[in-house]
């Protein structure tokens, strides 16, 4: 498939004129690799290194492990689809940092493009991050919520489980590792609304969780390591909103796995590249 044809299809299926993002202003160290389009709007083609694309790989972050995975398999004439164009590590300040340019040089030599949908993949749609996390937890989605840069990044949902500990158990099973539970509200799940925002939405959306009438908030990053997250926990305690955290990576991986089906439907072989969750997120 011609690369520009694939980009045009992704644009049509995911990006609307109301969406915006701001990654490029923080990527000065790798600016020489960025497409002019990405420099302008921080979405779409990050690195325009391919003319023809024969296969697609999807990942949450462009970590060294993800990039090395493709290099070790002698991949060429491909696209790496990312939810984030930078790497996340909450132990670093700031927690996002740039792709290793060593790998970008190899990707350019091998005609491997990099494509990013952050806000467009957080949008409420069948491929969305929060929608697919809710599906993985077997929740019943009622409606979208949490407007974010032209998208609706979260969902309000309900569950058939009886207690919040049971929801925690289901969450851990879905992501494949322990998850954090901060029980600030009622343990009984009867008639409780669940607000869910995959990834790092705690500091930005806890007020909207309260306004939506939800008493449980499921998200990725629940650690109080960042000041705005400590404020969110203080607010949650006051309003009796329990918080469940499953790591940034693990709560967003389901959408990137779903994108494998998207690329397969377009006639490309596709594969999700697994990475390690950062347990310090909890």
C-alpha atoms as a PDB file:
ATOM      1  CA  UNK A   1       0.000   0.000   0.000  1.00  0.00           C
ATOM      2  CA  UNK A   2       1.225   3.484  -0.821  1.00  0.00           C
ATOM      3  CA  UNK A   3       2.045   5.266   2.410  1.00  0.00           C
ATOM      4  CA  UNK A   4       0.116   8.405   1.504  1.00  0.00           C
ATOM      5  CA  UNK A   5      -3.011   6.341   0.816  1.00  0.00           C
ATOM      6  CA  UNK A   6      -2.830   4.793   4.279  1.00  0.00           C
ATOM      7  CA  UNK A   7      -2.264   8.178   5.918  1.00  0.00           C
ATOM      8  CA  UNK A   8      -5.266   9.600   4.073  1.00  0.00           C
ATOM      9  CA  UNK A   9      -7.459   6.737   5.267  1.00  0.00           C
ATOM     10  CA  UNK A  10      -6.323   7.155   8.880  1.00  0.00           C
ATOM     11  CA  UNK A  11      -6.997  10.884   8.616  1.00  0.00           C
ATOM     12  CA  UNK A  12     -10.506  10.263   7.323  1.00  0.00           C
ATOM     13  CA  UNK A  13     -11.324   7.630   9.949  1.00  0.00           C
ATOM     14  CA  UNK A  14      -9.909   9.282  13.077  1.00  0.00           C
ATOM     15  CA  UNK A  15      -9.015  12.969  12.847  1.00  0.00           C
ATOM     16  CA  UNK A  16     -11.532  15.818  12.952  1.00  0.00           C
ATOM     17  CA  UNK A  17     -10.965  19.528  12.502  1.00  0.00           C
ATOM     18  CA  UNK A  18     -11.806  20.163  16.169  1.00  0.00           C
ATOM     19  CA  UNK A  19      -8.920  18.069  17.500  1.00  0.00           C
ATOM     20  CA  UNK A  20      -5.604  19.526  18.590  1.00  0.00           C
ATOM     21  CA  UNK A  21      -2.441  18.406  20.365  1.00  0.00           C
ATOM     22  CA  UNK A  22       0.906  19.852  21.404  1.00  0.00           C
ATOM     23  CA  UNK A  23       3.634  17.199  21.243  1.00  0.00           C
ATOM     24  CA  UNK A  24       5.874  18.892  18.685  1.00  0.00           C
ATOM     25  CA  UNK A  25       6.811  21.796  20.940  1.00  0.00           C
ATOM     26  CA  UNK A  26       8.407  19.333  23.371  1.00  0.00           C
ATOM     27  CA  UNK A  27      10.278  17.354  20.703  1.00  0.00           C
ATOM     28  CA  UNK A  28      13.002  19.838  19.825  1.00  0.00           C
ATOM     29  CA  UNK A  29      15.717  17.199  20.295  1.00  0.00           C
ATOM     30  CA  UNK A  30      14.316  15.144  17.398  1.00  0.00           C
ATOM     31  CA  UNK A  31      12.876  17.999  15.350  1.00  0.00           C
ATOM     32  CA  UNK A  32      15.032  17.155  12.319  1.00  0.00           C
ATOM     33  CA  UNK A  33      13.167  13.827  11.978  1.00  0.00           C
ATOM     34  CA  UNK A  34       9.626  15.219  12.234  1.00  0.00           C
ATOM     35  CA  UNK A  35       7.339  15.719   9.265  1.00  0.00           C
ATOM     36  CA  UNK A  36       6.247  19.295   8.550  1.00  0.00           C
ATOM     37  CA  UNK A  37       2.655  18.255   9.150  1.00  0.00           C
ATOM     38  CA  UNK A  38       3.481  16.933  12.612  1.00  0.00           C
ATOM     39  CA  UNK A  39       5.409  20.070  13.513  1.00  0.00           C
ATOM     40  CA  UNK A  40       2.236  22.020  12.810  1.00  0.00           C
ATOM     41  CA  UNK A  41      -0.445  19.961  14.568  1.00  0.00           C
ATOM     42  CA  UNK A  42       1.260  17.186  16.610  1.00  0.00           C
ATOM     43  CA  UNK A  43      -0.762  14.318  15.146  1.00  0.00           C
ATOM     44  CA  UNK A  44      -0.605  12.057  12.139  1.00  0.00           C
ATOM     45  CA  UNK A  45       2.701  11.256  10.443  1.00  0.00           C
ATOM     46  CA  UNK A  46       5.513  11.785  12.942  1.00  0.00           C
ATOM     47  CA  UNK A  47       8.343  10.563  10.701  1.00  0.00           C
ATOM     48  CA  UNK A  48       7.604  10.290   6.985  1.00  0.00           C
ATOM     49  CA  UNK A  49      10.200   7.626   6.228  1.00  0.00           C
ATOM     50  CA  UNK A  50       8.224   5.230   3.964  1.00  0.00           C
ATOM     51  CA  UNK A  51       6.900   5.419   0.421  1.00  0.00           C
ATOM     52  CA  UNK A  52       5.215   2.023   0.466  1.00  0.00           C
ATOM     53  CA  UNK A  53       3.947   0.144   3.504  1.00  0.00           C
ATOM     54  CA  UNK A  54       3.698  -3.631   3.574  1.00  0.00           C
ATOM     55  CA  UNK A  55       3.078  -4.169   7.288  1.00  0.00           C
ATOM     56  CA  UNK A  56       2.070  -2.324  10.447  1.00  0.00           C
ATOM     57  CA  UNK A  57       3.136  -2.550  14.059  1.00  0.00           C
ATOM     58  CA  UNK A  58       1.267  -0.911  16.926  1.00  0.00           C
ATOM     59  CA  UNK A  59       2.518   0.162  20.350  1.00  0.00           C
ATOM     60  CA  UNK A  60       1.583   2.498  23.186  1.00  0.00           C
ATOM     61  CA  UNK A  61       4.957   4.253  23.508  1.00  0.00           C
ATOM     62  CA  UNK A  62       8.086   4.349  21.271  1.00  0.00           C
ATOM     63  CA  UNK A  63      10.292   2.785  23.935  1.00  0.00           C
ATOM     64  CA  UNK A  64      13.721   1.367  23.145  1.00  0.00           C
ATOM     65  CA  UNK A  65      12.233  -2.105  23.569  1.00  0.00           C
ATOM     66  CA  UNK A  66       9.546  -1.446  20.966  1.00  0.00           C
ATOM     67  CA  UNK A  67      11.962   0.064  18.456  1.00  0.00           C
ATOM     68  CA  UNK A  68      14.536  -2.692  18.978  1.00  0.00           C
ATOM     69  CA  UNK A  69      11.840  -5.329  18.464  1.00  0.00           C
ATOM     70  CA  UNK A  70      11.298  -4.134  14.898  1.00  0.00           C
ATOM     71  CA  UNK A  71      15.005  -3.790  14.170  1.00  0.00           C
ATOM     72  CA  UNK A  72      15.751  -7.305  15.427  1.00  0.00           C
ATOM     73  CA  UNK A  73      13.184  -8.674  12.981  1.00  0.00           C
ATOM     74  CA  UNK A  74      14.696  -6.842  10.002  1.00  0.00           C
ATOM     75  CA  UNK A  75      11.459  -4.973   9.398  1.00  0.00           C
ATOM     76  CA  UNK A  76      11.391  -2.555   6.455  1.00  0.00           C
ATOM     77  CA  UNK A  77       8.756  -0.711   4.390  1.00  0.00           C
ATOM     78  CA  UNK A  78       6.493  -0.538   7.413  1.00  0.00           C
ATOM     79  CA  UNK A  79       4.675   1.809   9.757  1.00  0.00           C
ATOM     80  CA  UNK A  80       4.915   1.943  13.530  1.00  0.00           C
ATOM     81  CA  UNK A  81       1.569   3.194  14.842  1.00  0.00           C
ATOM     82  CA  UNK A  82       1.773   4.825  18.279  1.00  0.00           C
ATOM     83  CA  UNK A  83      -0.673   6.199  20.786  1.00  0.00           C
ATOM     84  CA  UNK A  84       2.065   8.494  22.125  1.00  0.00           C
ATOM     85  CA  UNK A  85       4.990   9.919  20.114  1.00  0.00           C
ATOM     86  CA  UNK A  86       7.091  10.139  23.283  1.00  0.00           C
ATOM     87  CA  UNK A  87       8.126   7.695  26.006  1.00  0.00           C
ATOM     88  CA  UNK A  88       6.495   7.764  29.457  1.00  0.00           C
ATOM     89  CA  UNK A  89       8.324   7.319  32.756  1.00  0.00           C
ATOM     90  CA  UNK A  90       6.714   8.885  35.827  1.00  0.00           C
ATOM     91  CA  UNK A  91      10.059   8.638  37.644  1.00  0.00           C
ATOM     92  CA  UNK A  92      11.454  11.296  35.273  1.00  0.00           C
ATOM     93  CA  UNK A  93      10.589  14.978  35.304  1.00  0.00           C
ATOM     94  CA  UNK A  94       8.947  15.714  32.980  1.00  0.00           C
ATOM     95  CA  UNK A  95       7.544  12.177  32.669  1.00  0.00           C
ATOM     96  CA  UNK A  96       7.455  12.227  28.850  1.00  0.00           C
ATOM     97  CA  UNK A  97      10.743  12.201  26.941  1.00  0.00           C
ATOM     98  CA  UNK A  98      11.816  11.874  23.312  1.00  0.00           C
ATOM     99  CA  UNK A  99      12.423   8.853  21.111  1.00  0.00           C
ATOM    100  CA  UNK A 100      16.027   7.678  20.954  1.00  0.00           C
ATOM    101  CA  UNK A 101      17.480   9.227  17.772  1.00  0.00           C
ATOM    102  CA  UNK A 102      19.704   6.164  17.317  1.00  0.00           C
ATOM    103  CA  UNK A 103      16.587   4.179  16.421  1.00  0.00           C
ATOM    104  CA  UNK A 104      15.180   6.955  14.259  1.00  0.00           C
ATOM    105  CA  UNK A 105      18.274   6.827  12.047  1.00  0.00           C
ATOM    106  CA  UNK A 106      17.802   3.093  11.542  1.00  0.00           C
ATOM    107  CA  UNK A 107      14.080   3.504  10.886  1.00  0.00           C
ATOM    108  CA  UNK A 108      14.851   6.074   8.196  1.00  0.00           C
ATOM    109  CA  UNK A 109      17.348   3.719   6.543  1.00  0.00           C
ATOM    110  CA  UNK A 110      14.811   0.892   6.572  1.00  0.00           C
ATOM    111  CA  UNK A 111      11.856   2.975   5.353  1.00  0.00           C
ATOM    112  CA  UNK A 112       9.850   2.574   8.550  1.00  0.00           C
ATOM    113  CA  UNK A 113       7.401   5.433   9.082  1.00  0.00           C
ATOM    114  CA  UNK A 114       6.039   6.461  12.471  1.00  0.00           C
ATOM    115  CA  UNK A 115       2.405   7.502  12.805  1.00  0.00           C
ATOM    116  CA  UNK A 116       0.723   8.881  15.913  1.00  0.00           C
ATOM    117  CA  UNK A 117      -2.869   9.246  17.066  1.00  0.00           C
ATOM    118  CA  UNK A 118      -3.101  10.535  20.632  1.00  0.00           C
ATOM    119  CA  UNK A 119      -6.237  12.662  20.988  1.00  0.00           C
ATOM    120  CA  UNK A 120      -7.934  10.884  18.033  1.00  0.00           C
ATOM    121  CA  UNK A 121      -7.418   7.490  19.691  1.00  0.00           C
ATOM    122  CA  UNK A 122      -8.681   8.787  23.030  1.00  0.00           C
ATOM    123  CA  UNK A 123     -11.902   9.764  21.282  1.00  0.00           C
ATOM    124  CA  UNK A 124     -15.118   7.874  22.038  1.00  0.00           C
ATOM    125  CA  UNK A 125     -15.219   5.358  19.181  1.00  0.00           C
ATOM    126  CA  UNK A 126     -14.791   1.583  18.680  1.00  0.00           C
ATOM    127  CA  UNK A 127     -10.984   1.958  18.696  1.00  0.00           C
ATOM    128  CA  UNK A 128     -10.834   4.397  21.616  1.00  0.00           C
ATOM    129  CA  UNK A 129      -8.594   3.882  24.630  1.00  0.00           C
ATOM    130  CA  UNK A 130     -11.280   4.220  27.296  1.00  0.00           C
ATOM    131  CA  UNK A 131     -13.882   2.316  25.272  1.00  0.00           C
ATOM    132  CA  UNK A 132     -11.566  -0.660  24.850  1.00  0.00           C
ATOM    133  CA  UNK A 133     -10.489  -0.603  28.488  1.00  0.00           C
ATOM    134  CA  UNK A 134     -14.148  -0.628  29.529  1.00  0.00           C
ATOM    135  CA  UNK A 135     -14.759  -3.559  27.191  1.00  0.00           C
ATOM    136  CA  UNK A 136     -11.800  -5.429  28.693  1.00  0.00           C
ATOM    137  CA  UNK A 137     -13.361  -4.956  32.139  1.00  0.00           C
ATOM    138  CA  UNK A 138     -16.763  -6.113  30.865  1.00  0.00           C
ATOM    139  CA  UNK A 139     -18.391  -2.824  31.844  1.00  0.00           C
ATOM    140  CA  UNK A 140     -21.623  -1.522  30.367  1.00  0.00           C
ATOM    141  CA  UNK A 141     -20.889   1.840  28.766  1.00  0.00           C
ATOM    142  CA  UNK A 142     -23.585   4.465  29.242  1.00  0.00           C
ATOM    143  CA  UNK A 143     -22.063   7.549  27.620  1.00  0.00           C
ATOM    144  CA  UNK A 144     -18.854   9.427  26.893  1.00  0.00           C
ATOM    145  CA  UNK A 145     -17.522  12.167  29.150  1.00  0.00           C
ATOM    146  CA  UNK A 146     -14.354  14.221  29.792  1.00  0.00           C
ATOM    147  CA  UNK A 147     -13.836  16.595  26.829  1.00  0.00           C
ATOM    148  CA  UNK A 148     -10.155  16.790  25.948  1.00  0.00           C
ATOM    149  CA  UNK A 149      -8.603  18.778  23.057  1.00  0.00           C
ATOM    150  CA  UNK A 150     -11.560  18.140  20.757  1.00  0.00           C
ATOM    151  CA  UNK A 151     -12.271  14.567  21.840  1.00  0.00           C
ATOM    152  CA  UNK A 152     -14.315  12.840  24.534  1.00  0.00           C
ATOM    153  CA  UNK A 153     -11.630  10.899  26.384  1.00  0.00           C
ATOM    154  CA  UNK A 154     -13.623   8.996  29.010  1.00  0.00           C
ATOM    155  CA  UNK A 155     -16.718   6.889  29.543  1.00  0.00           C
ATOM    156  CA  UNK A 156     -19.340   6.571  32.245  1.00  0.00           C
ATOM    157  CA  UNK A 157     -20.217   2.928  32.839  1.00  0.00           C
ATOM    158  CA  UNK A 158     -21.748   0.407  35.223  1.00  0.00           C
ATOM    159  CA  UNK A 159     -20.726  -3.079  36.319  1.00  0.00           C
ATOM    160  CA  UNK A 160     -22.469  -6.241  37.486  1.00  0.00           C
ATOM    161  CA  UNK A 161     -19.898  -6.923  40.216  1.00  0.00           C
ATOM    162  CA  UNK A 162     -20.992  -6.567  43.825  1.00  0.00           C
ATOM    163  CA  UNK A 163     -17.972  -4.981  45.522  1.00  0.00           C
ATOM    164  CA  UNK A 164     -15.111  -2.704  44.572  1.00  0.00           C
ATOM    165  CA  UNK A 165     -12.651  -5.455  45.543  1.00  0.00           C
ATOM    166  CA  UNK A 166     -14.262  -7.659  42.889  1.00  0.00           C
ATOM    167  CA  UNK A 167     -13.832  -4.873  40.336  1.00  0.00           C
ATOM    168  CA  UNK A 168     -10.196  -4.576  41.400  1.00  0.00           C
ATOM    169  CA  UNK A 169      -9.741  -8.316  40.841  1.00  0.00           C
ATOM    170  CA  UNK A 170     -11.272  -8.103  37.358  1.00  0.00           C
ATOM    171  CA  UNK A 171      -9.075  -5.103  36.552  1.00  0.00           C
ATOM    172  CA  UNK A 172      -5.920  -6.965  37.595  1.00  0.00           C
ATOM    173  CA  UNK A 173      -6.939  -9.973  35.515  1.00  0.00           C
ATOM    174  CA  UNK A 174      -7.560  -7.807  32.437  1.00  0.00           C
ATOM    175  CA  UNK A 175      -4.224  -5.958  32.556  1.00  0.00           C
ATOM    176  CA  UNK A 176      -2.221  -8.968  33.732  1.00  0.00           C
ATOM    177  CA  UNK A 177      -0.709  -7.552  36.918  1.00  0.00           C
ATOM    178  CA  UNK A 178      -1.566  -5.991  40.282  1.00  0.00           C
ATOM    179  CA  UNK A 179      -3.521  -2.748  40.252  1.00  0.00           C
ATOM    180  CA  UNK A 180      -3.894  -0.034  42.884  1.00  0.00           C
ATOM    181  CA  UNK A 181      -7.093   0.580  44.834  1.00  0.00           C
ATOM    182  CA  UNK A 182      -7.665   3.700  46.923  1.00  0.00           C
ATOM    183  CA  UNK A 183     -10.961   3.078  48.716  1.00  0.00           C
ATOM    184  CA  UNK A 184     -12.303   6.529  49.501  1.00  0.00           C
ATOM    185  CA  UNK A 185     -15.960   5.649  49.041  1.00  0.00           C
ATOM    186  CA  UNK A 186     -18.456   2.836  49.537  1.00  0.00           C
ATOM    187  CA  UNK A 187     -17.164  -0.688  48.903  1.00  0.00           C
ATOM    188  CA  UNK A 188     -20.627  -1.834  47.813  1.00  0.00           C
ATOM    189  CA  UNK A 189     -20.948  -1.497  44.035  1.00  0.00           C
ATOM    190  CA  UNK A 190     -24.759  -1.462  44.001  1.00  0.00           C
ATOM    191  CA  UNK A 191     -25.964   1.317  41.675  1.00  0.00           C
ATOM    192  CA  UNK A 192     -22.549   3.011  41.628  1.00  0.00           C
ATOM    193  CA  UNK A 193     -21.446   4.811  38.484  1.00  0.00           C
ATOM    194  CA  UNK A 194     -17.927   4.186  37.203  1.00  0.00           C
ATOM    195  CA  UNK A 195     -15.962   6.894  35.418  1.00  0.00           C
ATOM    196  CA  UNK A 196     -13.149   5.557  33.294  1.00  0.00           C
ATOM    197  CA  UNK A 197     -10.293   7.420  31.576  1.00  0.00           C
ATOM    198  CA  UNK A 198      -7.437   5.287  30.302  1.00  0.00           C
ATOM    199  CA  UNK A 199      -3.888   6.597  30.697  1.00  0.00           C
ATOM    200  CA  UNK A 200      -2.938   9.623  32.763  1.00  0.00           C
ATOM    201  CA  UNK A 201      -6.226  11.439  33.258  1.00  0.00           C
ATOM    202  CA  UNK A 202      -6.424  11.590  37.044  1.00  0.00           C
ATOM    203  CA  UNK A 203      -5.187  15.135  37.595  1.00  0.00           C
ATOM    204  CA  UNK A 204      -7.261  16.589  34.776  1.00  0.00           C
ATOM    205  CA  UNK A 205     -10.639  14.934  35.184  1.00  0.00           C
ATOM    206  CA  UNK A 206     -11.401  14.153  38.837  1.00  0.00           C
ATOM    207  CA  UNK A 207     -13.688  17.191  39.048  1.00  0.00           C
ATOM    208  CA  UNK A 208     -15.635  15.981  36.025  1.00  0.00           C
ATOM    209  CA  UNK A 209     -15.895  12.531  37.601  1.00  0.00           C
ATOM    210  CA  UNK A 210     -17.675  14.136  40.555  1.00  0.00           C
ATOM    211  CA  UNK A 211     -19.916  16.251  38.333  1.00  0.00           C
ATOM    212  CA  UNK A 212     -20.897  13.136  36.381  1.00  0.00           C
ATOM    213  CA  UNK A 213     -22.142  11.513  39.583  1.00  0.00           C
ATOM    214  CA  UNK A 214     -19.574   8.705  39.512  1.00  0.00           C
ATOM    215  CA  UNK A 215     -18.193   7.334  42.775  1.00  0.00           C
ATOM    216  CA  UNK A 216     -15.460   5.112  41.268  1.00  0.00           C
ATOM    217  CA  UNK A 217     -12.718   6.322  38.942  1.00  0.00           C
ATOM    218  CA  UNK A 218     -10.742   3.804  36.877  1.00  0.00           C
ATOM    219  CA  UNK A 219      -7.609   5.173  35.228  1.00  0.00           C
ATOM    220  CA  UNK A 220      -3.971   4.418  34.476  1.00  0.00           C
ATOM    221  CA  UNK A 221      -1.760   6.622  36.615  1.00  0.00           C
ATOM    222  CA  UNK A 222      -2.927   6.742  40.231  1.00  0.00           C
ATOM    223  CA  UNK A 223       0.381   7.551  41.941  1.00  0.00           C
ATOM    224  CA  UNK A 224       0.668  10.714  44.023  1.00  0.00           C
ATOM    225  CA  UNK A 225       4.210  11.285  42.730  1.00  0.00           C
ATOM    226  CA  UNK A 226       3.008  14.262  40.660  1.00  0.00           C
ATOM    227  CA  UNK A 227       1.646  17.293  42.581  1.00  0.00           C
ATOM    228  CA  UNK A 228      -1.543  17.545  40.535  1.00  0.00           C
ATOM    229  CA  UNK A 229      -2.273  13.898  41.311  1.00  0.00           C
ATOM    230  CA  UNK A 230      -1.953  14.513  45.058  1.00  0.00           C
ATOM    231  CA  UNK A 231      -4.540  17.270  44.708  1.00  0.00           C
ATOM    232  CA  UNK A 232      -6.796  14.865  42.833  1.00  0.00           C
ATOM    233  CA  UNK A 233      -6.513  12.316  45.643  1.00  0.00           C
ATOM    234  CA  UNK A 234      -7.356  14.984  48.212  1.00  0.00           C
ATOM    235  CA  UNK A 235     -10.442  15.909  46.200  1.00  0.00           C
ATOM    236  CA  UNK A 236     -11.426  12.240  45.810  1.00  0.00           C
ATOM    237  CA  UNK A 237     -11.166  11.667  49.560  1.00  0.00           C
ATOM    238  CA  UNK A 238     -13.358  14.699  50.224  1.00  0.00           C
ATOM    239  CA  UNK A 239     -15.994  13.591  47.701  1.00  0.00           C
ATOM    240  CA  UNK A 240     -15.732   9.871  48.559  1.00  0.00           C
ATOM    241  CA  UNK A 241     -14.633   8.801  45.065  1.00  0.00           C
ATOM    242  CA  UNK A 242     -12.596   5.592  45.043  1.00  0.00           C
ATOM    243  CA  UNK A 243      -9.680   5.389  42.591  1.00  0.00           C
ATOM    244  CA  UNK A 244      -8.407   2.334  40.723  1.00  0.00           C
ATOM    245  CA  UNK A 245      -5.122   2.599  38.815  1.00  0.00           C
ATOM    246  CA  UNK A 246      -3.736   0.101  36.320  1.00  0.00           C
ATOM    247  CA  UNK A 247      -0.650   1.914  34.857  1.00  0.00           C
ATOM    248  CA  UNK A 248      -0.487   4.224  31.876  1.00  0.00           C
ATOM    249  CA  UNK A 249       0.678   1.504  29.494  1.00  0.00           C
ATOM    250  CA  UNK A 250      -1.665  -1.284  30.539  1.00  0.00           C
ATOM    251  CA  UNK A 251      -4.841   0.779  30.416  1.00  0.00           C
ATOM    252  CA  UNK A 252      -4.080   2.046  26.901  1.00  0.00           C
ATOM    253  CA  UNK A 253      -2.726  -1.135  25.351  1.00  0.00           C
ATOM    254  CA  UNK A 254      -6.186  -2.480  24.490  1.00  0.00           C
ATOM    255  CA  UNK A 255      -6.796   0.298  21.950  1.00  0.00           C
ATOM    256  CA  UNK A 256      -3.443  -0.349  20.276  1.00  0.00           C
ATOM    257  CA  UNK A 257      -4.262  -4.054  20.150  1.00  0.00           C
ATOM    258  CA  UNK A 258      -7.598  -3.155  18.555  1.00  0.00           C
ATOM    259  CA  UNK A 259      -5.739  -1.170  15.883  1.00  0.00           C
ATOM    260  CA  UNK A 260      -4.185  -4.426  14.674  1.00  0.00           C
ATOM    261  CA  UNK A 261      -7.625  -5.364  13.344  1.00  0.00           C
ATOM    262  CA  UNK A 262      -7.910  -1.943  11.694  1.00  0.00           C
ATOM    263  CA  UNK A 263      -4.688  -2.418   9.727  1.00  0.00           C
ATOM    264  CA  UNK A 264      -5.528  -6.031   8.908  1.00  0.00           C
ATOM    265  CA  UNK A 265      -8.816  -4.873   7.391  1.00  0.00           C
ATOM    266  CA  UNK A 266      -6.776  -2.537   5.180  1.00  0.00           C
ATOM    267  CA  UNK A 267      -4.878  -5.539   3.789  1.00  0.00           C
ATOM    268  CA  UNK A 268      -1.703  -5.165   5.867  1.00  0.00           C
ATOM    269  CA  UNK A 269      -0.133  -7.740   8.127  1.00  0.00           C
ATOM    270  CA  UNK A 270      -0.159  -6.208  11.606  1.00  0.00           C
ATOM    271  CA  UNK A 271       1.187  -6.930  15.069  1.00  0.00           C
ATOM    272  CA  UNK A 272       0.980  -5.338  18.509  1.00  0.00           C
ATOM    273  CA  UNK A 273       4.333  -4.966  20.274  1.00  0.00           C
ATOM    274  CA  UNK A 274       3.982  -5.596  23.985  1.00  0.00           C
ATOM    275  CA  UNK A 275       5.959  -3.551  26.486  1.00  0.00           C
ATOM    276  CA  UNK A 276       6.421  -3.481  30.252  1.00  0.00           C
ATOM    277  CA  UNK A 277       4.020  -1.584  32.530  1.00  0.00           C
ATOM    278  CA  UNK A 278       5.619   0.940  34.864  1.00  0.00           C
ATOM    279  CA  UNK A 279       4.419  -0.094  38.300  1.00  0.00           C
ATOM    280  CA  UNK A 280       5.491   3.242  39.770  1.00  0.00           C
ATOM    281  CA  UNK A 281       2.388   4.640  38.024  1.00  0.00           C
ATOM    282  CA  UNK A 282       0.355   3.078  40.809  1.00  0.00           C
END
